Amino acid sequence: MTMVELAVGWMASHLFDRGRAQEAAPAIEEQLRGLAGLVRAKLEDDPALLTLERESASSPTPTVGTRRRVVQALEDAVWTDPHFGEALAATVQRLTPFMPRPAD
């Protein structure tokens, strides 16, 4: 799984699984909020991100298509903004020891 796929999976998990967020260690929850904030700040009004957030309010998991579109949008952002890519990589690296690999 790529760094972007991990980031999207963890962000989706954070958005969709509110119960887990209640149980997460405060430091991990803070990192997940930081990841979500970083992605939201970069993608802002991207239709894929807006769809992911809308789906999180009405279904238990994101659709495969939505997840794929968010991954593509994030890959494009990493490609065009190396500073963002570095920040995303650092955030994923901090979370990696504590987070399970998201389901495909």
Protein backbone atom coordinates (compact mmCIF):
# COMPACT_ATOMS: atom_id res chain seq x y z
CA MET A 1 0.00 0.00 0.00
CA THR A 2 1.32 3.44 -0.88
CA MET A 3 1.64 6.36 1.51
CA VAL A 4 -1.36 8.03 -0.15
CA GLU A 5 -3.49 4.87 0.10
CA LEU A 6 -2.62 4.58 3.80
CA ALA A 7 -3.50 8.25 4.36
CA VAL A 8 -6.85 7.94 2.59
CA GLY A 9 -7.68 4.69 4.38
CA TRP A 10 -6.90 6.15 7.79
CA MET A 11 -8.74 9.37 7.03
CA ALA A 12 -11.78 7.41 5.86
CA SER A 13 -11.60 5.27 8.98
CA HIS A 14 -11.44 8.42 11.08
CA LEU A 15 -14.47 9.91 9.30
CA PHE A 16 -16.60 6.77 9.16
CA ASP A 17 -15.82 5.04 12.47
CA ARG A 18 -16.80 7.58 15.10
CA GLY A 19 -16.92 4.92 17.82
CA ARG A 20 -13.29 4.02 17.31
CA ALA A 21 -12.37 7.67 17.57
CA GLN A 22 -13.88 7.71 21.05
CA GLU A 23 -11.62 4.81 22.08
CA ALA A 24 -8.37 5.94 20.42
CA ALA A 25 -5.53 7.22 22.52
CA PRO A 26 -5.61 11.02 22.58
CA ALA A 27 -2.22 11.29 20.83
CA ILE A 28 -3.36 9.01 18.00
CA GLU A 29 -6.66 10.83 17.67
CA GLU A 30 -4.75 14.12 17.49
CA GLN A 31 -2.57 12.72 14.67
CA LEU A 32 -5.67 11.52 12.79
CA ARG A 33 -7.26 14.95 13.13
CA GLY A 34 -3.99 16.44 11.87
CA LEU A 35 -4.02 14.09 8.88
CA ALA A 36 -7.63 14.98 8.08
CA GLY A 37 -6.88 18.69 8.45
CA LEU A 38 -3.83 18.47 6.21
CA VAL A 39 -5.79 16.68 3.49
CA ARG A 40 -8.80 19.00 3.79
CA ALA A 41 -6.58 22.09 3.60
CA LYS A 42 -4.98 20.84 0.41
CA LEU A 43 -8.00 19.36 -1.37
CA GLU A 44 -10.51 21.93 -0.05
CA ASP A 45 -13.38 21.88 -2.55
CA ASP A 46 -12.26 18.80 -4.47
CA PRO A 47 -15.38 16.83 -5.46
CA ALA A 48 -13.83 13.54 -4.36
CA LEU A 49 -13.17 14.80 -0.83
CA LEU A 50 -16.62 16.37 -0.61
CA THR A 51 -18.17 13.06 -1.67
CA LEU A 52 -16.12 11.18 0.94
CA GLU A 53 -17.30 13.55 3.66
CA ARG A 54 -20.92 13.33 2.45
CA GLU A 55 -20.79 9.52 2.38
CA SER A 56 -19.40 9.46 5.93
CA ALA A 57 -22.63 11.04 7.14
CA SER A 58 -24.89 8.46 5.53
CA SER A 59 -23.13 5.12 5.14
CA PRO A 60 -20.83 2.82 7.12
CA THR A 61 -17.96 2.85 4.58
CA PRO A 62 -16.89 4.85 1.56
CA THR A 63 -17.59 3.42 -1.86
CA VAL A 64 -14.66 1.95 -3.75
CA GLY A 65 -15.06 4.63 -6.42
CA THR A 66 -14.96 7.45 -3.91
CA ARG A 67 -11.90 6.04 -2.19
CA ARG A 68 -10.18 5.65 -5.58
CA ARG A 69 -11.01 9.27 -6.54
CA VAL A 70 -9.67 10.63 -3.24
CA VAL A 71 -6.47 8.60 -3.69
CA GLN A 72 -6.07 10.05 -7.20
CA ALA A 73 -6.72 13.61 -6.00
CA LEU A 74 -4.19 13.18 -3.20
CA GLU A 75 -1.60 11.62 -5.53
CA ASP A 76 -2.02 14.61 -7.85
CA ALA A 77 -1.56 16.99 -4.92
CA VAL A 78 1.61 15.19 -3.79
CA TRP A 79 2.94 15.26 -7.35
CA THR A 80 2.34 18.99 -7.83
CA ASP A 81 3.32 20.17 -4.32
CA PRO A 82 6.45 18.54 -2.91
CA HIS A 83 6.12 20.41 0.40
CA PHE A 84 2.65 18.96 0.87
CA GLY A 85 4.03 15.54 -0.05
CA GLU A 86 6.70 15.87 2.64
CA ALA A 87 4.14 16.92 5.24
CA LEU A 88 1.85 14.03 4.30
CA ALA A 89 4.76 11.56 4.42
CA ALA A 90 5.76 12.80 7.88
CA THR A 91 2.21 12.46 9.17
CA VAL A 92 1.83 8.95 7.75
CA GLN A 93 5.20 7.98 9.22
CA ARG A 94 4.12 9.17 12.68
CA LEU A 95 0.88 7.16 12.47
CA THR A 96 2.29 3.97 10.94
CA PRO A 97 3.40 2.30 14.21
CA PHE A 98 -0.02 2.80 15.79
CA MET A 99 -2.52 2.24 12.99
CA PRO A 100 -3.66 -0.94 11.29
CA ARG A 101 -3.39 -1.16 7.53
CA PRO A 102 -6.74 -0.08 6.08
CA ALA A 103 -8.77 -2.60 4.10
CA ASP A 104 -8.51 -2.25 0.33
